[in-house]
């Protein structure tokens, strides 16, 4: 089995959206391979302005579905390179349909310093 957990955070100072993919391959009840990879996407100031409503930046679900595959694809490449000549060679991270996964926007409250 493959479990994929995705988290987003935003750095307002740098206008960067961080997308972290945590991938865990399991066999029975044991984790056999774990990978974490983060991708940083710099957002144009005009785009941030357009997504900002009342001190909140609202990243729409379709935007998140466009950002998440960057990390997913990178993990596939890293797995290919790092598992060569290991028992995990040939293990492939299957594609993910992120447009079906993300149903809600990611909301950043600019008044809350603890917002991810």
N, C-alpha and C. Protein backbone atom coordinates (compact mmCIF):
# COMPACT_ATOMS: atom_id res chain seq x y z
N UNK A 1 0.83 -1.19 0.00
CA UNK A 1 0.00 0.00 0.00
C UNK A 1 0.87 1.25 0.00
N UNK A 2 0.33 2.32 -0.53
CA UNK A 2 1.03 3.60 -0.56
C UNK A 2 0.13 4.65 0.09
N UNK A 3 0.66 5.34 1.09
CA UNK A 3 -0.06 6.43 1.74
C UNK A 3 0.63 7.74 1.40
N UNK A 4 -0.16 8.72 1.00
CA UNK A 4 0.38 10.01 0.59
C UNK A 4 -0.29 11.09 1.43
N UNK A 5 0.49 11.77 2.25
CA UNK A 5 -0.03 12.87 3.07
C UNK A 5 0.60 14.16 2.55
N UNK A 6 -0.22 15.15 2.28
CA UNK A 6 0.26 16.40 1.71
C UNK A 6 -0.11 17.55 2.64
N UNK A 7 0.88 18.39 2.93
CA UNK A 7 0.66 19.56 3.77
C UNK A 7 1.14 20.80 3.05
N UNK A 8 0.41 21.90 3.28
CA UNK A 8 0.79 23.18 2.70
C UNK A 8 1.09 24.16 3.82
N UNK A 9 2.03 25.05 3.56
CA UNK A 9 2.30 26.18 4.45
C UNK A 9 2.67 27.36 3.56
N UNK A 10 2.60 28.56 4.14
CA UNK A 10 2.85 29.76 3.34
C UNK A 10 3.74 30.70 4.11
N UNK A 11 4.75 31.24 3.42
CA UNK A 11 5.64 32.24 3.99
C UNK A 11 5.31 33.57 3.31
N UNK A 12 4.66 34.46 4.07
CA UNK A 12 4.21 35.74 3.50
C UNK A 12 5.37 36.64 3.12
N UNK A 13 6.45 36.58 3.87
CA UNK A 13 7.60 37.44 3.59
C UNK A 13 8.20 37.15 2.22
N UNK A 14 8.28 35.88 1.87
CA UNK A 14 8.87 35.47 0.58
C UNK A 14 7.83 35.13 -0.48
N UNK A 15 6.54 35.20 -0.10
CA UNK A 15 5.44 34.83 -1.00
C UNK A 15 5.65 33.42 -1.55
N UNK A 16 6.02 32.49 -0.67
CA UNK A 16 6.25 31.12 -1.12
C UNK A 16 5.25 30.16 -0.47
N UNK A 17 4.70 29.33 -1.31
CA UNK A 17 3.84 28.25 -0.86
C UNK A 17 4.70 27.00 -0.80
N UNK A 18 4.70 26.36 0.36
CA UNK A 18 5.46 25.12 0.55
C UNK A 18 4.49 23.95 0.50
N UNK A 19 4.79 23.00 -0.35
CA UNK A 19 3.99 21.78 -0.47
C UNK A 19 4.88 20.61 -0.07
N UNK A 20 4.51 19.93 1.01
CA UNK A 20 5.29 18.80 1.50
C UNK A 20 4.52 17.51 1.27
N UNK A 21 5.13 16.60 0.54
CA UNK A 21 4.56 15.27 0.31
C UNK A 21 5.26 14.29 1.24
N UNK A 22 4.49 13.58 2.03
CA UNK A 22 4.99 12.48 2.86
C UNK A 22 4.43 11.19 2.27
N UNK A 23 5.32 10.36 1.76
CA UNK A 23 4.92 9.11 1.13
C UNK A 23 5.41 7.96 2.01
N UNK A 24 4.51 7.02 2.30
CA UNK A 24 4.87 5.84 3.08
C UNK A 24 4.37 4.60 2.34
N UNK A 25 5.31 3.72 2.03
CA UNK A 25 4.96 2.42 1.46
C UNK A 25 4.87 1.43 2.61
N UNK A 26 3.78 0.69 2.67
CA UNK A 26 3.60 -0.29 3.74
C UNK A 26 3.42 -1.68 3.15
N UNK A 27 3.83 -2.64 3.96
CA UNK A 27 3.59 -4.04 3.62
C UNK A 27 3.07 -4.69 4.90
N UNK A 28 1.82 -5.07 4.88
CA UNK A 28 1.19 -5.52 6.12
C UNK A 28 1.10 -4.33 7.06
N UNK A 29 1.60 -4.49 8.27
CA UNK A 29 1.57 -3.38 9.23
C UNK A 29 2.91 -2.65 9.31
N UNK A 30 3.86 -3.05 8.46
CA UNK A 30 5.21 -2.46 8.53
C UNK A 30 5.41 -1.38 7.46
N UNK A 31 6.03 -0.29 7.86
CA UNK A 31 6.47 0.72 6.89
C UNK A 31 7.76 0.22 6.28
N UNK A 32 7.79 0.11 4.96
CA UNK A 32 9.00 -0.41 4.32
C UNK A 32 9.80 0.67 3.60
N UNK A 33 9.16 1.81 3.29
CA UNK A 33 9.87 2.90 2.62
C UNK A 33 9.13 4.19 2.93
N UNK A 34 9.87 5.19 3.42
CA UNK A 34 9.27 6.48 3.74
C UNK A 34 10.07 7.58 3.04
N UNK A 35 9.35 8.50 2.43
CA UNK A 35 9.99 9.61 1.72
C UNK A 35 9.23 10.89 2.04
N UNK A 36 9.99 11.96 2.32
CA UNK A 36 9.38 13.27 2.50
C UNK A 36 10.11 14.24 1.57
N UNK A 37 9.34 15.04 0.85
CA UNK A 37 9.92 15.96 -0.13
C UNK A 37 9.08 17.22 -0.13
N UNK A 38 9.75 18.37 -0.09
CA UNK A 38 9.05 19.65 -0.11
C UNK A 38 9.42 20.43 -1.36
N UNK A 39 8.43 21.11 -1.90
CA UNK A 39 8.60 21.98 -3.05
C UNK A 39 8.13 23.37 -2.64
N UNK A 40 8.89 24.38 -3.04
CA UNK A 40 8.54 25.77 -2.74
C UNK A 40 8.16 26.47 -4.04
N UNK A 41 6.99 27.09 -4.03
CA UNK A 41 6.51 27.80 -5.22
C UNK A 41 6.37 29.27 -4.87
N UNK A 42 7.14 30.11 -5.58
CA UNK A 42 7.03 31.55 -5.35
C UNK A 42 5.81 32.06 -6.12
N UNK A 43 4.99 32.83 -5.41
CA UNK A 43 3.75 33.33 -6.00
C UNK A 43 3.91 34.81 -6.35
N UNK A 44 3.51 35.18 -7.54
CA UNK A 44 3.61 36.56 -8.01
C UNK A 44 2.76 37.46 -7.11
N UNK A 45 3.26 38.67 -6.78
CA UNK A 45 2.50 39.58 -5.91
C UNK A 45 1.07 39.84 -6.39
N UNK A 46 0.88 39.98 -7.69
CA UNK A 46 -0.47 40.22 -8.22
C UNK A 46 -1.39 39.04 -7.93
N UNK A 47 -0.87 37.83 -8.05
CA UNK A 47 -1.68 36.64 -7.77
C UNK A 47 -2.06 36.59 -6.29
N UNK A 48 -1.11 36.93 -5.42
CA UNK A 48 -1.42 36.96 -3.98
C UNK A 48 -2.51 37.99 -3.72
N UNK A 49 -2.39 39.14 -4.35
CA UNK A 49 -3.40 40.19 -4.18
C UNK A 49 -4.78 39.71 -4.61
N UNK A 50 -4.84 38.99 -5.72
CA UNK A 50 -6.12 38.49 -6.24
C UNK A 50 -6.72 37.41 -5.35
N UNK A 51 -5.88 36.68 -4.61
CA UNK A 51 -6.37 35.60 -3.74
C UNK A 51 -6.63 36.09 -2.31
N UNK A 52 -6.34 37.37 -2.02
CA UNK A 52 -6.48 37.89 -0.66
C UNK A 52 -7.85 38.54 -0.47
N UNK A 53 -8.54 38.08 0.57
CA UNK A 53 -9.85 38.62 0.94
C UNK A 53 -9.85 38.79 2.46
N UNK A 54 -10.03 40.05 2.91
CA UNK A 54 -10.14 40.35 4.34
C UNK A 54 -9.04 39.69 5.18
N UNK A 55 -7.80 39.97 4.88
CA UNK A 55 -6.63 39.46 5.62
C UNK A 55 -6.49 37.95 5.58
N UNK A 56 -7.04 37.34 4.57
CA UNK A 56 -6.85 35.91 4.35
C UNK A 56 -6.43 35.69 2.91
N UNK A 57 -5.44 34.83 2.74
CA UNK A 57 -5.09 34.40 1.39
C UNK A 57 -5.77 33.05 1.20
N UNK A 58 -6.55 32.96 0.15
CA UNK A 58 -7.30 31.74 -0.12
C UNK A 58 -6.73 31.10 -1.39
N UNK A 59 -5.99 30.00 -1.18
CA UNK A 59 -5.44 29.25 -2.30
C UNK A 59 -6.51 28.24 -2.74
N UNK A 60 -7.08 28.41 -3.92
CA UNK A 60 -8.16 27.52 -4.36
C UNK A 60 -7.67 26.07 -4.54
N UNK A 61 -8.59 25.15 -4.41
CA UNK A 61 -8.24 23.73 -4.51
C UNK A 61 -7.62 23.39 -5.87
N UNK A 62 -8.10 24.03 -6.95
CA UNK A 62 -7.52 23.72 -8.26
C UNK A 62 -6.06 24.21 -8.35
N UNK A 63 -5.73 25.28 -7.62
CA UNK A 63 -4.34 25.76 -7.58
C UNK A 63 -3.47 24.76 -6.81
N UNK A 64 -3.98 24.25 -5.70
CA UNK A 64 -3.25 23.25 -4.92
C UNK A 64 -3.00 21.99 -5.75
N UNK A 65 -4.01 21.63 -6.54
CA UNK A 65 -3.88 20.44 -7.39
C UNK A 65 -2.84 20.64 -8.49
N UNK A 66 -2.52 21.88 -8.80
CA UNK A 66 -1.46 22.15 -9.78
C UNK A 66 -0.08 22.14 -9.12
N UNK A 67 0.01 22.52 -7.85
CA UNK A 67 1.30 22.58 -7.15
C UNK A 67 1.76 21.21 -6.64
N UNK A 68 0.85 20.42 -6.13
CA UNK A 68 1.21 19.14 -5.51
C UNK A 68 1.96 18.18 -6.44
N UNK A 69 1.62 18.11 -7.72
CA UNK A 69 2.35 17.17 -8.60
C UNK A 69 3.83 17.48 -8.78
N UNK A 70 4.26 18.71 -8.51
CA UNK A 70 5.70 19.02 -8.62
C UNK A 70 6.48 18.12 -7.67
N UNK A 71 6.05 18.04 -6.42
CA UNK A 71 6.73 17.20 -5.44
C UNK A 71 6.55 15.73 -5.74
N UNK A 72 5.37 15.36 -6.18
CA UNK A 72 5.09 13.96 -6.50
C UNK A 72 6.02 13.47 -7.61
N UNK A 73 6.15 14.28 -8.65
CA UNK A 73 7.04 13.92 -9.76
C UNK A 73 8.49 13.87 -9.33
N UNK A 74 8.89 14.81 -8.48
CA UNK A 74 10.27 14.81 -7.99
C UNK A 74 10.55 13.57 -7.16
N UNK A 75 9.58 13.16 -6.34
CA UNK A 75 9.76 11.95 -5.54
C UNK A 75 9.93 10.74 -6.45
N UNK A 76 9.18 10.68 -7.51
CA UNK A 76 9.32 9.55 -8.44
C UNK A 76 10.74 9.47 -8.99
N UNK A 77 11.30 10.64 -9.34
CA UNK A 77 12.68 10.67 -9.83
C UNK A 77 13.69 10.30 -8.77
N UNK A 78 13.52 10.82 -7.57
CA UNK A 78 14.43 10.50 -6.46
C UNK A 78 14.38 9.00 -6.17
N UNK A 79 13.17 8.45 -6.15
CA UNK A 79 13.05 7.00 -5.89
C UNK A 79 13.78 6.19 -6.94
N UNK A 80 13.65 6.59 -8.19
CA UNK A 80 14.34 5.87 -9.26
C UNK A 80 15.85 5.89 -9.04
N UNK A 81 16.39 7.07 -8.72
CA UNK A 81 17.83 7.19 -8.53
C UNK A 81 18.34 6.51 -7.26
N UNK A 82 17.62 6.68 -6.17
CA UNK A 82 18.10 6.20 -4.86
C UNK A 82 17.83 4.73 -4.58
N UNK A 83 16.96 4.10 -5.35
CA UNK A 83 16.68 2.69 -5.09
C UNK A 83 17.38 1.75 -6.07
N UNK A 84 18.16 2.31 -6.99
CA UNK A 84 18.91 1.48 -7.92
C UNK A 84 19.85 0.57 -7.14
N UNK A 85 19.87 -0.69 -7.51
CA UNK A 85 20.70 -1.72 -6.86
C UNK A 85 20.35 -1.93 -5.39
N UNK A 86 19.09 -1.72 -5.04
CA UNK A 86 18.60 -2.01 -3.70
C UNK A 86 17.39 -2.93 -3.85
N UNK A 87 16.93 -3.52 -2.75
CA UNK A 87 15.72 -4.35 -2.84
C UNK A 87 14.48 -3.58 -3.31
N UNK A 88 14.54 -2.24 -3.26
CA UNK A 88 13.39 -1.43 -3.66
C UNK A 88 13.45 -1.00 -5.12
N UNK A 89 14.48 -1.43 -5.83
CA UNK A 89 14.57 -1.09 -7.25
C UNK A 89 13.33 -1.61 -7.97
N UNK A 90 12.75 -0.81 -8.77
CA UNK A 90 11.54 -1.21 -9.49
C UNK A 90 10.25 -0.83 -8.78
N UNK A 91 10.35 -0.38 -7.51
CA UNK A 91 9.16 0.10 -6.82
C UNK A 91 8.81 1.46 -7.42
N UNK A 92 7.59 1.60 -7.85
CA UNK A 92 7.18 2.83 -8.53
C UNK A 92 6.07 3.51 -7.74
N UNK A 93 6.23 4.79 -7.55
CA UNK A 93 5.18 5.58 -6.93
C UNK A 93 4.10 5.81 -7.98
N UNK A 94 2.89 5.31 -7.73
CA UNK A 94 1.86 5.47 -8.75
C UNK A 94 1.42 6.92 -8.90
N UNK A 95 0.87 7.27 -10.05
CA UNK A 95 0.37 8.63 -10.24
C UNK A 95 -0.77 8.92 -9.24
N UNK A 96 -0.97 10.18 -8.97
CA UNK A 96 -2.06 10.60 -8.08
C UNK A 96 -2.93 11.60 -8.83
N UNK A 97 -4.21 11.50 -8.63
CA UNK A 97 -5.15 12.41 -9.28
C UNK A 97 -5.50 13.51 -8.28
N UNK A 98 -4.61 14.49 -8.19
CA UNK A 98 -4.76 15.55 -7.19
C UNK A 98 -6.01 16.39 -7.39
N UNK A 99 -6.47 16.51 -8.61
CA UNK A 99 -7.71 17.27 -8.84
C UNK A 99 -8.91 16.61 -8.18
N UNK A 100 -8.79 15.31 -7.86
CA UNK A 100 -9.86 14.61 -7.14
C UNK A 100 -9.63 14.62 -5.63
N UNK A 101 -8.40 14.88 -5.21
CA UNK A 101 -8.04 14.83 -3.79
C UNK A 101 -8.39 16.13 -3.09
N UNK A 102 -8.03 17.25 -3.71
CA UNK A 102 -8.23 18.55 -3.06
C UNK A 102 -9.63 19.08 -3.35
N UNK A 103 -10.42 19.16 -2.30
CA UNK A 103 -11.79 19.64 -2.42
C UNK A 103 -11.98 21.01 -1.76
N UNK A 104 -11.09 21.33 -0.82
CA UNK A 104 -11.20 22.57 -0.05
C UNK A 104 -9.99 23.46 -0.31
N UNK A 105 -10.15 24.77 -0.23
CA UNK A 105 -9.01 25.67 -0.40
C UNK A 105 -8.09 25.61 0.84
N UNK A 106 -6.87 26.08 0.66
CA UNK A 106 -5.94 26.27 1.76
C UNK A 106 -6.02 27.75 2.13
N UNK A 107 -6.41 28.05 3.36
CA UNK A 107 -6.64 29.42 3.79
C UNK A 107 -5.55 29.83 4.77
N UNK A 108 -4.90 30.95 4.49
CA UNK A 108 -3.87 31.51 5.35
C UNK A 108 -4.43 32.76 5.99
N UNK A 109 -4.49 32.78 7.30
CA UNK A 109 -4.95 33.94 8.05
C UNK A 109 -3.75 34.84 8.30
N UNK A 110 -3.70 35.99 7.65
CA UNK A 110 -2.55 36.88 7.76
C UNK A 110 -2.45 37.54 9.14
N UNK A 111 -3.50 37.49 9.94
CA UNK A 111 -3.48 38.03 11.30
C UNK A 111 -2.93 37.04 12.30
N UNK A 112 -2.87 35.77 11.94
CA UNK A 112 -2.41 34.72 12.84
C UNK A 112 -0.98 34.34 12.50
N UNK A 113 -0.06 34.65 13.36
CA UNK A 113 1.35 34.36 13.12
C UNK A 113 1.66 32.86 13.18
N UNK A 114 0.73 32.06 13.71
CA UNK A 114 0.93 30.62 13.82
C UNK A 114 0.35 29.85 12.64
N UNK A 115 -0.19 30.58 11.65
CA UNK A 115 -0.75 29.93 10.48
C UNK A 115 0.38 29.25 9.73
N UNK A 116 0.15 28.01 9.30
CA UNK A 116 1.22 27.30 8.58
C UNK A 116 1.58 27.97 7.27
